[in-house]
Amino acid sequence: MIPADLPEWLRPVAEGAAAIRGEQLSRWLPPPEGGRQSAVLVLFGEGDDGPDLLLIERSSTMNSHAGQPAFPGGAVDDTDADVIAAALREAEEETGLDPAGVHVLATLPELYLPPSGFVVTPVIGWWRAPSPVRVVDRGEVERVERVPLAELLDPANRYSVRHPSGYVGPAFGVRGLVVWGFTAGLLSRLFALVGWEQPWDEDDVRELGHW
């Protein structure tokens, strides 16, 4: 049920999430044998600069995805009741947010990350009662940022990147961050599906690491 006090700007996400299919979000869906369960928190709030989204930048010393912007999240533990509990726990561990202030609106279909074998459930949240956020453990997170939606949706901040592996996908250049890979792909498709996307130059392809 959609909360009566949900901000009007967030209603397209709350109302549209239930109809979104996995193949609309990614070409990579979980294989029959499954994979390691994980979850990410796609958290929308309202900050000093208007509607925003919570992102982290992973530590540059990590073994995988080093220095890459991402949603808070991680693997589901045996102690987690479900993927929602996992997303909230990981977000608290990574950013210090208070899960009690988060109203979960929906979960999106499971997606697959072939390189790692993770099956990822995006959990859509509304930051009903925002709490302070910070870097909790620099061994895992380099930076925590509330990025205004206006900046993510601005066509001037959108382009595609080419990875040395040959992968080409959407990217967002915001707040000194280059958001790409799974995170950018999910955001790009979600924005389009809920009617927020503005036309941007998809022919602007930049080599990853060269701006």
N, C-alpha and C. Protein backbone atom coordinates (compact mmCIF):
# COMPACT_ATOMS: atom_id res chain seq x y z
N MET A 1 0.84 -1.19 0.00
CA MET A 1 0.00 0.00 0.00
C MET A 1 0.88 1.25 0.00
N ILE A 2 0.52 2.21 -0.85
CA ILE A 2 1.28 3.45 -0.94
C ILE A 2 0.89 4.37 0.22
N PRO A 3 1.84 4.84 0.99
CA PRO A 3 1.52 5.72 2.12
C PRO A 3 0.83 7.00 1.66
N ALA A 4 -0.12 7.46 2.44
CA ALA A 4 -0.86 8.67 2.08
C ALA A 4 0.03 9.89 2.05
N ASP A 5 1.09 9.88 2.87
CA ASP A 5 1.96 11.06 2.93
C ASP A 5 3.19 10.94 2.02
N LEU A 6 3.16 9.98 1.10
CA LEU A 6 4.28 9.84 0.16
C LEU A 6 4.37 11.09 -0.70
N PRO A 7 5.58 11.66 -0.87
CA PRO A 7 5.71 12.85 -1.73
C PRO A 7 5.21 12.58 -3.14
N GLU A 8 4.57 13.58 -3.72
CA GLU A 8 3.98 13.41 -5.05
C GLU A 8 5.03 13.03 -6.09
N TRP A 9 6.24 13.57 -5.96
CA TRP A 9 7.27 13.29 -6.96
C TRP A 9 7.71 11.84 -6.96
N LEU A 10 7.51 11.14 -5.84
CA LEU A 10 7.95 9.75 -5.73
C LEU A 10 6.86 8.75 -6.13
N ARG A 11 5.64 9.22 -6.36
CA ARG A 11 4.54 8.33 -6.69
C ARG A 11 4.77 7.51 -7.97
N PRO A 12 5.38 8.07 -9.02
CA PRO A 12 5.62 7.23 -10.20
C PRO A 12 6.43 5.98 -9.90
N VAL A 13 7.38 6.07 -8.98
CA VAL A 13 8.17 4.90 -8.61
C VAL A 13 7.33 3.92 -7.81
N ALA A 14 6.61 4.43 -6.80
CA ALA A 14 5.80 3.56 -5.95
C ALA A 14 4.70 2.87 -6.74
N GLU A 15 4.10 3.59 -7.66
CA GLU A 15 2.99 3.03 -8.43
C GLU A 15 3.47 2.13 -9.57
N GLY A 16 4.64 2.40 -10.10
CA GLY A 16 5.10 1.64 -11.26
C GLY A 16 5.94 0.42 -10.93
N ALA A 17 6.46 0.35 -9.72
CA ALA A 17 7.41 -0.72 -9.37
C ALA A 17 6.82 -2.12 -9.54
N ALA A 18 5.56 -2.29 -9.17
CA ALA A 18 4.95 -3.63 -9.19
C ALA A 18 4.87 -4.21 -10.60
N ALA A 19 4.81 -3.34 -11.60
CA ALA A 19 4.65 -3.81 -12.97
C ALA A 19 5.97 -4.03 -13.69
N ILE A 20 7.08 -3.68 -13.07
CA ILE A 20 8.38 -3.79 -13.73
C ILE A 20 8.83 -5.24 -13.78
N ARG A 21 9.27 -5.69 -14.93
CA ARG A 21 9.75 -7.05 -15.13
C ARG A 21 11.29 -7.05 -15.19
N GLY A 22 11.87 -8.15 -14.81
CA GLY A 22 13.32 -8.26 -14.77
C GLY A 22 13.98 -7.94 -16.09
N GLU A 23 13.39 -8.42 -17.18
CA GLU A 23 14.00 -8.20 -18.50
C GLU A 23 13.94 -6.74 -18.92
N GLN A 24 13.12 -5.93 -18.25
CA GLN A 24 13.10 -4.49 -18.53
C GLN A 24 14.26 -3.77 -17.85
N LEU A 25 14.86 -4.42 -16.86
CA LEU A 25 15.93 -3.80 -16.10
C LEU A 25 17.31 -4.27 -16.53
N SER A 26 17.42 -5.49 -16.99
CA SER A 26 18.73 -6.05 -17.32
C SER A 26 18.59 -7.22 -18.27
N ARG A 27 19.60 -7.44 -19.07
CA ARG A 27 19.60 -8.65 -19.91
C ARG A 27 20.08 -9.85 -19.13
N TRP A 28 20.61 -9.59 -17.93
CA TRP A 28 21.13 -10.68 -17.10
C TRP A 28 20.13 -11.03 -16.00
N LEU A 29 19.45 -12.16 -16.16
CA LEU A 29 18.52 -12.64 -15.15
C LEU A 29 19.08 -13.88 -14.49
N PRO A 30 18.66 -14.20 -13.26
CA PRO A 30 19.24 -15.34 -12.55
C PRO A 30 19.10 -16.64 -13.34
N PRO A 31 20.16 -17.44 -13.40
CA PRO A 31 20.08 -18.74 -14.06
C PRO A 31 19.27 -19.72 -13.21
N PRO A 32 18.87 -20.85 -13.78
CA PRO A 32 18.07 -21.83 -13.03
C PRO A 32 18.72 -22.27 -11.73
N GLU A 33 20.04 -22.34 -11.72
CA GLU A 33 20.74 -22.79 -10.51
C GLU A 33 20.86 -21.68 -9.47
N GLY A 34 20.43 -20.47 -9.83
CA GLY A 34 20.46 -19.37 -8.88
C GLY A 34 21.86 -18.83 -8.66
N GLY A 35 22.10 -18.30 -7.49
CA GLY A 35 23.39 -17.71 -7.16
C GLY A 35 23.35 -17.23 -5.72
N ARG A 36 24.37 -16.51 -5.33
CA ARG A 36 24.41 -16.02 -3.96
C ARG A 36 23.46 -14.84 -3.80
N GLN A 37 22.53 -14.94 -2.87
CA GLN A 37 21.52 -13.92 -2.68
C GLN A 37 22.13 -12.64 -2.09
N SER A 38 21.74 -11.50 -2.65
CA SER A 38 22.19 -10.21 -2.14
C SER A 38 21.08 -9.18 -2.39
N ALA A 39 21.25 -8.00 -1.81
CA ALA A 39 20.25 -6.95 -1.96
C ALA A 39 20.91 -5.59 -1.91
N VAL A 40 20.32 -4.64 -2.61
CA VAL A 40 20.79 -3.25 -2.54
C VAL A 40 19.61 -2.36 -2.19
N LEU A 41 19.90 -1.25 -1.53
CA LEU A 41 18.87 -0.31 -1.13
C LEU A 41 18.89 0.90 -2.06
N VAL A 42 17.81 1.06 -2.82
CA VAL A 42 17.65 2.21 -3.70
C VAL A 42 16.79 3.20 -2.92
N LEU A 43 17.45 4.11 -2.22
CA LEU A 43 16.78 4.94 -1.21
C LEU A 43 16.59 6.38 -1.69
N PHE A 44 15.33 6.76 -1.85
CA PHE A 44 14.97 8.11 -2.26
C PHE A 44 14.59 8.94 -1.04
N GLY A 45 15.10 10.16 -0.98
CA GLY A 45 14.78 11.04 0.13
C GLY A 45 14.63 12.47 -0.34
N GLU A 46 14.48 13.36 0.60
CA GLU A 46 14.41 14.79 0.31
C GLU A 46 15.43 15.50 1.19
N GLY A 47 16.45 16.07 0.56
CA GLY A 47 17.50 16.77 1.30
C GLY A 47 17.45 18.26 1.07
N ASP A 48 18.54 18.92 1.41
CA ASP A 48 18.62 20.37 1.27
C ASP A 48 18.50 20.82 -0.19
N ASP A 49 18.89 19.94 -1.11
CA ASP A 49 18.84 20.27 -2.53
C ASP A 49 17.68 19.59 -3.25
N GLY A 50 16.65 19.23 -2.50
CA GLY A 50 15.48 18.60 -3.10
C GLY A 50 15.54 17.08 -3.09
N PRO A 51 14.71 16.42 -3.88
CA PRO A 51 14.70 14.95 -3.94
C PRO A 51 16.09 14.41 -4.27
N ASP A 52 16.46 13.34 -3.57
CA ASP A 52 17.80 12.80 -3.80
C ASP A 52 17.83 11.29 -3.66
N LEU A 53 19.01 10.73 -3.91
CA LEU A 53 19.23 9.29 -3.87
C LEU A 53 20.53 9.04 -3.12
N LEU A 54 20.53 8.04 -2.25
CA LEU A 54 21.71 7.73 -1.45
C LEU A 54 22.65 6.79 -2.21
N LEU A 55 23.90 7.22 -2.38
CA LEU A 55 24.91 6.39 -3.03
C LEU A 55 26.16 6.35 -2.16
N ILE A 56 26.94 5.30 -2.35
CA ILE A 56 28.24 5.20 -1.69
C ILE A 56 29.31 5.04 -2.76
N GLU A 57 30.54 5.32 -2.36
CA GLU A 57 31.69 5.01 -3.20
C GLU A 57 32.51 3.98 -2.45
N ARG A 58 32.67 2.83 -3.07
CA ARG A 58 33.38 1.74 -2.39
C ARG A 58 34.86 2.08 -2.22
N SER A 59 35.46 1.52 -1.19
CA SER A 59 36.85 1.80 -0.88
C SER A 59 37.76 1.39 -2.03
N SER A 60 38.79 2.18 -2.26
CA SER A 60 39.75 1.89 -3.34
C SER A 60 40.63 0.70 -3.01
N THR A 61 40.55 0.21 -1.77
CA THR A 61 41.39 -0.93 -1.37
C THR A 61 40.64 -2.26 -1.44
N MET A 62 39.39 -2.24 -1.83
CA MET A 62 38.60 -3.48 -1.88
C MET A 62 39.09 -4.39 -3.00
N ASN A 63 38.88 -5.68 -2.83
CA ASN A 63 39.31 -6.65 -3.83
C ASN A 63 38.45 -6.61 -5.09
N SER A 64 37.17 -6.26 -4.93
CA SER A 64 36.29 -6.18 -6.09
C SER A 64 35.51 -4.87 -6.06
N HIS A 65 35.23 -4.33 -7.24
CA HIS A 65 34.49 -3.07 -7.40
C HIS A 65 35.16 -1.92 -6.64
N ALA A 66 36.47 -1.94 -6.55
CA ALA A 66 37.20 -0.91 -5.82
C ALA A 66 36.92 0.46 -6.40
N GLY A 67 36.59 1.42 -5.52
CA GLY A 67 36.38 2.80 -5.93
C GLY A 67 35.13 3.05 -6.74
N GLN A 68 34.27 2.06 -6.86
CA GLN A 68 33.10 2.21 -7.73
C GLN A 68 31.89 2.72 -6.94
N PRO A 69 31.19 3.75 -7.45
CA PRO A 69 29.96 4.18 -6.82
C PRO A 69 28.90 3.08 -6.91
N ALA A 70 28.05 3.00 -5.89
CA ALA A 70 27.07 1.92 -5.83
C ALA A 70 25.94 2.29 -4.88
N PHE A 71 24.90 1.47 -4.91
CA PHE A 71 23.89 1.54 -3.87
C PHE A 71 24.43 0.87 -2.62
N PRO A 72 24.01 1.29 -1.44
CA PRO A 72 24.35 0.50 -0.25
C PRO A 72 23.76 -0.90 -0.40
N GLY A 73 24.48 -1.89 0.09
CA GLY A 73 23.95 -3.26 0.00
C GLY A 73 25.04 -4.30 0.06
N GLY A 74 24.62 -5.55 -0.03
CA GLY A 74 25.57 -6.65 0.02
C GLY A 74 24.87 -7.98 0.14
N ALA A 75 25.62 -8.99 0.50
CA ALA A 75 25.10 -10.36 0.56
C ALA A 75 24.10 -10.54 1.70
N VAL A 76 23.13 -11.42 1.47
CA VAL A 76 22.16 -11.79 2.50
C VAL A 76 22.84 -12.74 3.47
N ASP A 77 22.77 -12.43 4.75
CA ASP A 77 23.33 -13.29 5.79
C ASP A 77 22.28 -14.25 6.33
N ASP A 78 22.74 -15.30 6.99
CA ASP A 78 21.82 -16.27 7.59
C ASP A 78 20.92 -15.62 8.64
N THR A 79 21.40 -14.54 9.24
CA THR A 79 20.64 -13.87 10.29
C THR A 79 19.58 -12.90 9.74
N ASP A 80 19.61 -12.65 8.43
CA ASP A 80 18.63 -11.74 7.82
C ASP A 80 17.32 -12.46 7.58
N ALA A 81 16.23 -11.81 7.93
CA ALA A 81 14.91 -12.41 7.73
C ALA A 81 14.58 -12.55 6.25
N ASP A 82 15.03 -11.59 5.44
CA ASP A 82 14.76 -11.61 4.01
C ASP A 82 15.67 -10.59 3.33
N VAL A 83 15.44 -10.38 2.03
CA VAL A 83 16.30 -9.46 1.29
C VAL A 83 16.12 -8.02 1.76
N ILE A 84 14.92 -7.68 2.20
CA ILE A 84 14.68 -6.32 2.71
C ILE A 84 15.52 -6.09 3.96
N ALA A 85 15.50 -7.04 4.86
CA ALA A 85 16.30 -6.93 6.08
C ALA A 85 17.78 -6.82 5.75
N ALA A 86 18.22 -7.57 4.74
CA ALA A 86 19.63 -7.53 4.34
C ALA A 86 20.01 -6.16 3.80
N ALA A 87 19.15 -5.59 2.94
CA ALA A 87 19.44 -4.28 2.36
C ALA A 87 19.52 -3.21 3.44
N LEU A 88 18.61 -3.25 4.40
CA LEU A 88 18.60 -2.26 5.47
C LEU A 88 19.80 -2.44 6.40
N ARG A 89 20.14 -3.68 6.70
CA ARG A 89 21.30 -3.94 7.57
C ARG A 89 22.58 -3.46 6.91
N GLU A 90 22.76 -3.80 5.65
CA GLU A 90 23.98 -3.39 4.95
C GLU A 90 24.07 -1.86 4.85
N ALA A 91 22.93 -1.20 4.59
CA ALA A 91 22.93 0.25 4.50
C ALA A 91 23.31 0.88 5.84
N GLU A 92 22.82 0.30 6.93
CA GLU A 92 23.18 0.80 8.25
C GLU A 92 24.67 0.60 8.52
N GLU A 93 25.19 -0.57 8.16
CA GLU A 93 26.60 -0.86 8.40
C GLU A 93 27.51 0.02 7.56
N GLU A 94 27.07 0.37 6.36
CA GLU A 94 27.92 1.14 5.44
C GLU A 94 27.80 2.65 5.61
N THR A 95 26.60 3.13 6.00
CA THR A 95 26.38 4.58 6.03
C THR A 95 25.93 5.09 7.40
N GLY A 96 25.59 4.21 8.32
CA GLY A 96 25.13 4.62 9.63
C GLY A 96 23.69 5.10 9.67
N LEU A 97 22.94 4.94 8.58
CA LEU A 97 21.55 5.39 8.59
C LEU A 97 20.72 4.57 9.58
N ASP A 98 19.64 5.16 10.05
CA ASP A 98 18.72 4.48 10.95
C ASP A 98 17.64 3.80 10.12
N PRO A 99 17.60 2.47 10.06
CA PRO A 99 16.61 1.76 9.25
C PRO A 99 15.17 2.09 9.63
N ALA A 100 14.96 2.52 10.87
CA ALA A 100 13.59 2.83 11.32
C ALA A 100 13.00 3.99 10.52
N GLY A 101 13.85 4.81 9.92
CA GLY A 101 13.37 5.95 9.15
C GLY A 101 13.08 5.64 7.70
N VAL A 102 13.27 4.37 7.30
CA VAL A 102 13.09 3.97 5.91
C VAL A 102 11.75 3.23 5.74
N HIS A 103 10.93 3.69 4.82
CA HIS A 103 9.70 2.99 4.47
C HIS A 103 9.95 2.26 3.15
N VAL A 104 9.89 0.94 3.18
CA VAL A 104 10.12 0.16 1.97
C VAL A 104 8.87 0.19 1.09
N LEU A 105 9.04 0.65 -0.13
CA LEU A 105 7.92 0.77 -1.07
C LEU A 105 7.72 -0.48 -1.91
N ALA A 106 8.82 -1.14 -2.29
CA ALA A 106 8.71 -2.29 -3.18
C ALA A 106 10.06 -2.98 -3.31
N THR A 107 10.03 -4.20 -3.80
CA THR A 107 11.25 -4.87 -4.26
C THR A 107 11.10 -5.09 -5.76
N LEU A 108 12.18 -4.88 -6.48
CA LEU A 108 12.18 -5.12 -7.92
C LEU A 108 12.59 -6.57 -8.19
N PRO A 109 12.39 -7.06 -9.40
CA PRO A 109 12.76 -8.45 -9.71
C PRO A 109 14.26 -8.71 -9.49
N GLU A 110 14.56 -9.95 -9.19
CA GLU A 110 15.96 -10.36 -9.00
C GLU A 110 16.73 -10.17 -10.30
N LEU A 111 17.96 -9.68 -10.18
CA LEU A 111 18.86 -9.51 -11.31
C LEU A 111 20.14 -10.30 -11.04
N TYR A 112 20.93 -10.49 -12.09
CA TYR A 112 22.10 -11.35 -11.96
C TYR A 112 23.38 -10.60 -12.32
N LEU A 113 24.42 -10.83 -11.54
CA LEU A 113 25.74 -10.27 -11.84
C LEU A 113 26.66 -11.43 -12.22
N PRO A 114 26.81 -11.69 -13.52
CA PRO A 114 27.58 -12.86 -13.96
C PRO A 114 29.01 -12.94 -13.42
N PRO A 115 29.76 -11.81 -13.35
CA PRO A 115 31.14 -11.95 -12.89
C PRO A 115 31.26 -12.51 -11.47
N SER A 116 30.30 -12.13 -10.60
CA SER A 116 30.40 -12.54 -9.20
C SER A 116 29.44 -13.67 -8.84
N GLY A 117 28.45 -13.92 -9.68
CA GLY A 117 27.46 -14.94 -9.37
C GLY A 117 26.42 -14.50 -8.37
N PHE A 118 26.33 -13.21 -8.09
CA PHE A 118 25.34 -12.70 -7.14
C PHE A 118 23.97 -12.55 -7.82
N VAL A 119 22.94 -12.93 -7.09
CA VAL A 119 21.56 -12.64 -7.48
C VAL A 119 21.12 -11.45 -6.62
N VAL A 120 20.86 -10.31 -7.26
CA VAL A 120 20.63 -9.06 -6.54
C VAL A 120 19.16 -8.65 -6.59
N THR A 121 18.60 -8.36 -5.43
CA THR A 121 17.25 -7.82 -5.35
C THR A 121 17.33 -6.33 -5.00
N PRO A 122 16.91 -5.44 -5.90
CA PRO A 122 16.85 -4.02 -5.56
C PRO A 122 15.64 -3.74 -4.66
N VAL A 123 15.88 -3.11 -3.54
CA VAL A 123 14.82 -2.75 -2.58
C VAL A 123 14.60 -1.25 -2.68
N ILE A 124 13.39 -0.84 -3.07
CA ILE A 124 13.08 0.56 -3.24
C ILE A 124 12.57 1.13 -1.91
N GLY A 125 13.23 2.18 -1.43
CA GLY A 125 12.84 2.76 -0.15
C GLY A 125 12.59 4.25 -0.23
N TRP A 126 11.73 4.72 0.65
CA TRP A 126 11.50 6.15 0.84
C TRP A 126 12.06 6.52 2.20
N TRP A 127 12.95 7.50 2.21
CA TRP A 127 13.60 7.94 3.45
C TRP A 127 12.63 8.86 4.18
N ARG A 128 11.70 8.27 4.84
CA ARG A 128 10.60 9.02 5.47
C ARG A 128 11.11 9.93 6.59
N ALA A 129 12.05 9.43 7.36
CA ALA A 129 12.64 10.21 8.45
C ALA A 129 14.16 10.13 8.31
N PRO A 130 14.76 10.99 7.50
CA PRO A 130 16.20 10.92 7.25
C PRO A 130 17.02 11.04 8.52
N SER A 131 18.10 10.30 8.56
CA SER A 131 19.05 10.35 9.67
C SER A 131 20.43 10.69 9.10
N PRO A 132 21.33 11.17 9.92
CA PRO A 132 22.66 11.50 9.41
C PRO A 132 23.35 10.26 8.84
N VAL A 133 24.12 10.45 7.78
CA VAL A 133 24.89 9.35 7.19
C VAL A 133 26.35 9.76 7.10
N ARG A 134 27.21 8.76 7.08
CA ARG A 134 28.65 9.00 7.10
C ARG A 134 29.37 7.73 6.65
N VAL A 135 30.66 7.83 6.47
CA VAL A 135 31.47 6.64 6.24
C VAL A 135 31.68 5.94 7.58
N VAL A 136 31.26 4.70 7.68
CA VAL A 136 31.39 3.95 8.93
C VAL A 136 32.71 3.20 8.97
N ASP A 137 33.06 2.54 7.86
CA ASP A 137 34.29 1.75 7.79
C ASP A 137 35.01 2.07 6.49
N ARG A 138 36.15 2.77 6.59
CA ARG A 138 36.87 3.17 5.37
C ARG A 138 37.47 1.97 4.64
N GLY A 139 37.49 0.83 5.27
CA GLY A 139 37.94 -0.36 4.58
C GLY A 139 36.93 -0.84 3.56
N GLU A 140 35.68 -0.38 3.70
CA GLU A 140 34.62 -0.77 2.78
C GLU A 140 34.09 0.39 1.95
N VAL A 141 33.97 1.55 2.58
CA VAL A 141 33.34 2.70 1.91
C VAL A 141 34.24 3.92 2.00
N GLU A 142 34.44 4.55 0.85
CA GLU A 142 35.28 5.74 0.76
C GLU A 142 34.48 7.02 1.00
N ARG A 143 33.21 6.95 0.59
CA ARG A 143 32.40 8.17 0.57
C ARG A 143 30.92 7.81 0.58
N VAL A 144 30.12 8.66 1.23
CA VAL A 144 28.66 8.53 1.24
C VAL A 144 28.10 9.84 0.72
N GLU A 145 27.19 9.76 -0.24
CA GLU A 145 26.70 10.97 -0.89
C GLU A 145 25.20 10.90 -1.15
N ARG A 146 24.48 11.96 -0.77
CA ARG A 146 23.08 12.12 -1.16
C ARG A 146 23.08 12.92 -2.45
N VAL A 147 22.82 12.24 -3.57
CA VAL A 147 22.92 12.88 -4.88
C VAL A 147 21.54 13.38 -5.31
N PRO A 148 21.39 14.69 -5.58
CA PRO A 148 20.09 15.21 -6.03
C PRO A 148 19.62 14.53 -7.31
N LEU A 149 18.34 14.19 -7.35
CA LEU A 149 17.79 13.58 -8.56
C LEU A 149 17.92 14.51 -9.76
N ALA A 150 17.82 15.80 -9.52
CA ALA A 150 17.94 16.76 -10.62
C ALA A 150 19.28 16.61 -11.34
N GLU A 151 20.33 16.30 -10.59
CA GLU A 151 21.65 16.12 -11.20
C GLU A 151 21.74 14.80 -11.96
N LEU A 152 21.14 13.76 -11.40
CA LEU A 152 21.15 12.46 -12.08
C LEU A 152 20.33 12.50 -13.38
N LEU A 153 19.26 13.28 -13.38
CA LEU A 153 18.39 13.34 -14.54
C LEU A 153 18.83 14.37 -15.58
N ASP A 154 19.75 15.23 -15.23
CA ASP A 154 20.23 16.27 -16.14
C ASP A 154 20.97 15.62 -17.31
N PRO A 155 20.50 15.81 -18.55
CA PRO A 155 21.16 15.21 -19.71
C PRO A 155 22.64 15.55 -19.81
N ALA A 156 23.03 16.73 -19.27
CA ALA A 156 24.44 17.14 -19.33
C ALA A 156 25.33 16.22 -18.51
N ASN A 157 24.74 15.48 -17.56
CA ASN A 157 25.52 14.60 -16.69
C ASN A 157 25.45 13.14 -17.11
N ARG A 158 24.91 12.90 -18.30
CA ARG A 158 24.73 11.52 -18.75
C ARG A 158 25.54 11.24 -20.01
N TYR A 159 26.11 10.05 -20.06
CA TYR A 159 26.86 9.59 -21.22
C TYR A 159 27.01 8.08 -21.09
N SER A 160 27.73 7.46 -21.99
CA SER A 160 28.02 6.03 -21.90
C SER A 160 29.52 5.85 -21.66
N VAL A 161 29.87 4.72 -21.06
CA VAL A 161 31.29 4.41 -20.87
C VAL A 161 31.61 3.06 -21.50
N ARG A 162 32.86 2.95 -21.93
CA ARG A 162 33.36 1.70 -22.48
C ARG A 162 34.44 1.15 -21.55
N HIS A 163 34.21 -0.05 -21.04
CA HIS A 163 35.18 -0.71 -20.17
C HIS A 163 36.22 -1.42 -21.03
N PRO A 164 37.46 -1.60 -20.53
CA PRO A 164 38.48 -2.33 -21.31
C PRO A 164 38.02 -3.71 -21.77
N SER A 165 37.05 -4.31 -21.07
CA SER A 165 36.54 -5.63 -21.45
C SER A 165 35.68 -5.57 -22.69
N GLY A 166 35.29 -4.34 -23.08
CA GLY A 166 34.40 -4.18 -24.22
C GLY A 166 32.99 -3.78 -23.83
N TYR A 167 32.67 -3.89 -22.55
CA TYR A 167 31.35 -3.51 -22.06
C TYR A 167 31.10 -2.03 -22.31
N VAL A 168 29.92 -1.72 -22.84
CA VAL A 168 29.49 -0.33 -23.01
C VAL A 168 28.14 -0.17 -22.31
N GLY A 169 28.03 0.82 -21.46
CA GLY A 169 26.78 1.02 -20.73
C GLY A 169 26.63 2.44 -20.27
N PRO A 170 25.45 2.78 -19.76
CA PRO A 170 25.18 4.15 -19.33
C PRO A 170 26.00 4.55 -18.12
N ALA A 171 26.19 5.87 -17.98
CA ALA A 171 26.93 6.40 -16.84
C ALA A 171 26.35 7.76 -16.46
N PHE A 172 26.61 8.13 -15.22
CA PHE A 172 26.20 9.43 -14.70
C PHE A 172 27.43 10.09 -14.09
N GLY A 173 27.72 11.33 -14.48
CA GLY A 173 28.83 12.06 -13.89
C GLY A 173 28.28 13.10 -12.92
N VAL A 174 28.28 12.77 -11.63
CA VAL A 174 27.67 13.64 -10.62
C VAL A 174 28.54 13.73 -9.37
N ARG A 175 28.64 14.93 -8.82
CA ARG A 175 29.34 15.14 -7.56
C ARG A 175 30.75 14.57 -7.54
N GLY A 176 31.42 14.63 -8.67
CA GLY A 176 32.76 14.10 -8.75
C GLY A 176 32.81 12.58 -8.84
N LEU A 177 31.66 11.95 -9.02
CA LEU A 177 31.58 10.50 -9.13
C LEU A 177 31.21 10.11 -10.56
N VAL A 178 31.73 8.99 -11.01
CA VAL A 178 31.30 8.40 -12.28
C VAL A 178 30.55 7.12 -11.92
N VAL A 179 29.23 7.21 -12.00
CA VAL A 179 28.38 6.08 -11.66
C VAL A 179 28.19 5.25 -12.93
N TRP A 180 28.59 3.99 -12.89
CA TRP A 180 28.49 3.15 -14.08
C TRP A 180 28.16 1.71 -13.66
N GLY A 181 28.23 0.78 -14.59
CA GLY A 181 28.01 -0.63 -14.28
C GLY A 181 26.58 -0.92 -13.84
N PHE A 182 26.43 -1.87 -12.91
CA PHE A 182 25.11 -2.30 -12.45
C PHE A 182 24.28 -1.14 -11.95
N THR A 183 24.89 -0.27 -11.14
CA THR A 183 24.15 0.84 -10.53
C THR A 183 23.60 1.78 -11.59
N ALA A 184 24.43 2.19 -12.53
CA ALA A 184 23.98 3.10 -13.58
C ALA A 184 22.95 2.43 -14.49
N GLY A 185 23.16 1.16 -14.79
CA GLY A 185 22.22 0.45 -15.64
C GLY A 185 20.84 0.39 -15.02
N LEU A 186 20.79 0.08 -13.73
CA LEU A 186 19.50 0.01 -13.04
C LEU A 186 18.84 1.38 -12.98
N LEU A 187 19.61 2.40 -12.63
CA LEU A 187 19.04 3.75 -12.56
C LEU A 187 18.53 4.20 -13.93
N SER A 188 19.30 3.96 -14.96
CA SER A 188 18.92 4.39 -16.30
C SER A 188 17.59 3.76 -16.71
N ARG A 189 17.44 2.48 -16.47
CA ARG A 189 16.21 1.79 -16.87
C ARG A 189 15.04 2.18 -15.98
N LEU A 190 15.31 2.34 -14.68
CA LEU A 190 14.25 2.73 -13.76
C LEU A 190 13.72 4.12 -14.11
N PHE A 191 14.63 5.06 -14.37
CA PHE A 191 14.22 6.41 -14.73
C PHE A 191 13.35 6.40 -16.00
N ALA A 192 13.73 5.57 -16.97
CA ALA A 192 12.96 5.50 -18.21
C ALA A 192 11.58 4.89 -17.96
N LEU A 193 11.52 3.84 -17.14
CA LEU A 193 10.26 3.13 -16.92
C LEU A 193 9.25 3.95 -16.13
N VAL A 194 9.72 4.83 -15.25
CA VAL A 194 8.77 5.64 -14.47
C VAL A 194 8.52 7.01 -15.09
N GLY A 195 9.10 7.25 -16.28
CA GLY A 195 8.82 8.48 -16.99
C GLY A 195 9.65 9.68 -16.58
N TRP A 196 10.75 9.43 -15.90
CA TRP A 196 11.60 10.55 -15.46
C TRP A 196 12.71 10.88 -16.45
N GLU A 197 13.06 9.96 -17.31
CA GLU A 197 14.21 10.15 -18.19
C GLU A 197 14.02 11.33 -19.13
N GLN A 198 15.08 12.11 -19.29
CA GLN A 198 15.11 13.18 -20.28
C GLN A 198 16.06 12.76 -21.40
N PRO A 199 15.79 13.14 -22.64
CA PRO A 199 16.66 12.74 -23.75
C PRO A 199 18.11 13.13 -23.48
N TRP A 200 19.01 12.18 -23.70
CA TRP A 200 20.43 12.45 -23.50
C TRP A 200 21.21 11.83 -24.65
N ASP A 201 22.45 12.24 -24.82
CA ASP A 201 23.25 11.84 -25.97
C ASP A 201 23.84 10.45 -25.76
N GLU A 202 23.15 9.44 -26.25
CA GLU A 202 23.61 8.06 -26.09
C GLU A 202 24.79 7.74 -26.99
N ASP A 203 25.11 8.63 -27.91
CA ASP A 203 26.28 8.44 -28.78
C ASP A 203 27.56 8.97 -28.15
N ASP A 204 27.43 9.62 -27.00
CA ASP A 204 28.61 10.13 -26.28
C ASP A 204 29.19 8.99 -25.46
N VAL A 205 30.18 8.30 -26.02
CA VAL A 205 30.79 7.13 -25.38
C VAL A 205 32.22 7.49 -24.97
N ARG A 206 32.52 7.33 -23.70
CA ARG A 206 33.84 7.69 -23.18
C ARG A 206 34.52 6.46 -22.61
N GLU A 207 35.83 6.41 -22.76
CA GLU A 207 36.59 5.30 -22.21
C GLU A 207 36.59 5.41 -20.69
N LEU A 208 36.34 4.32 -20.02
CA LEU A 208 36.27 4.34 -18.56
C LEU A 208 37.62 4.76 -17.99
N GLY A 209 37.58 5.83 -17.18
CA GLY A 209 38.81 6.34 -16.60
C GLY A 209 39.37 7.53 -17.35
N HIS A 210 38.71 7.90 -18.47
CA HIS A 210 39.16 9.06 -19.22
C HIS A 210 37.97 9.99 -19.44
N TRP A 211 38.01 11.15 -18.80
CA TRP A 211 36.88 12.07 -18.89
C TRP A 211 37.32 13.38 -19.51
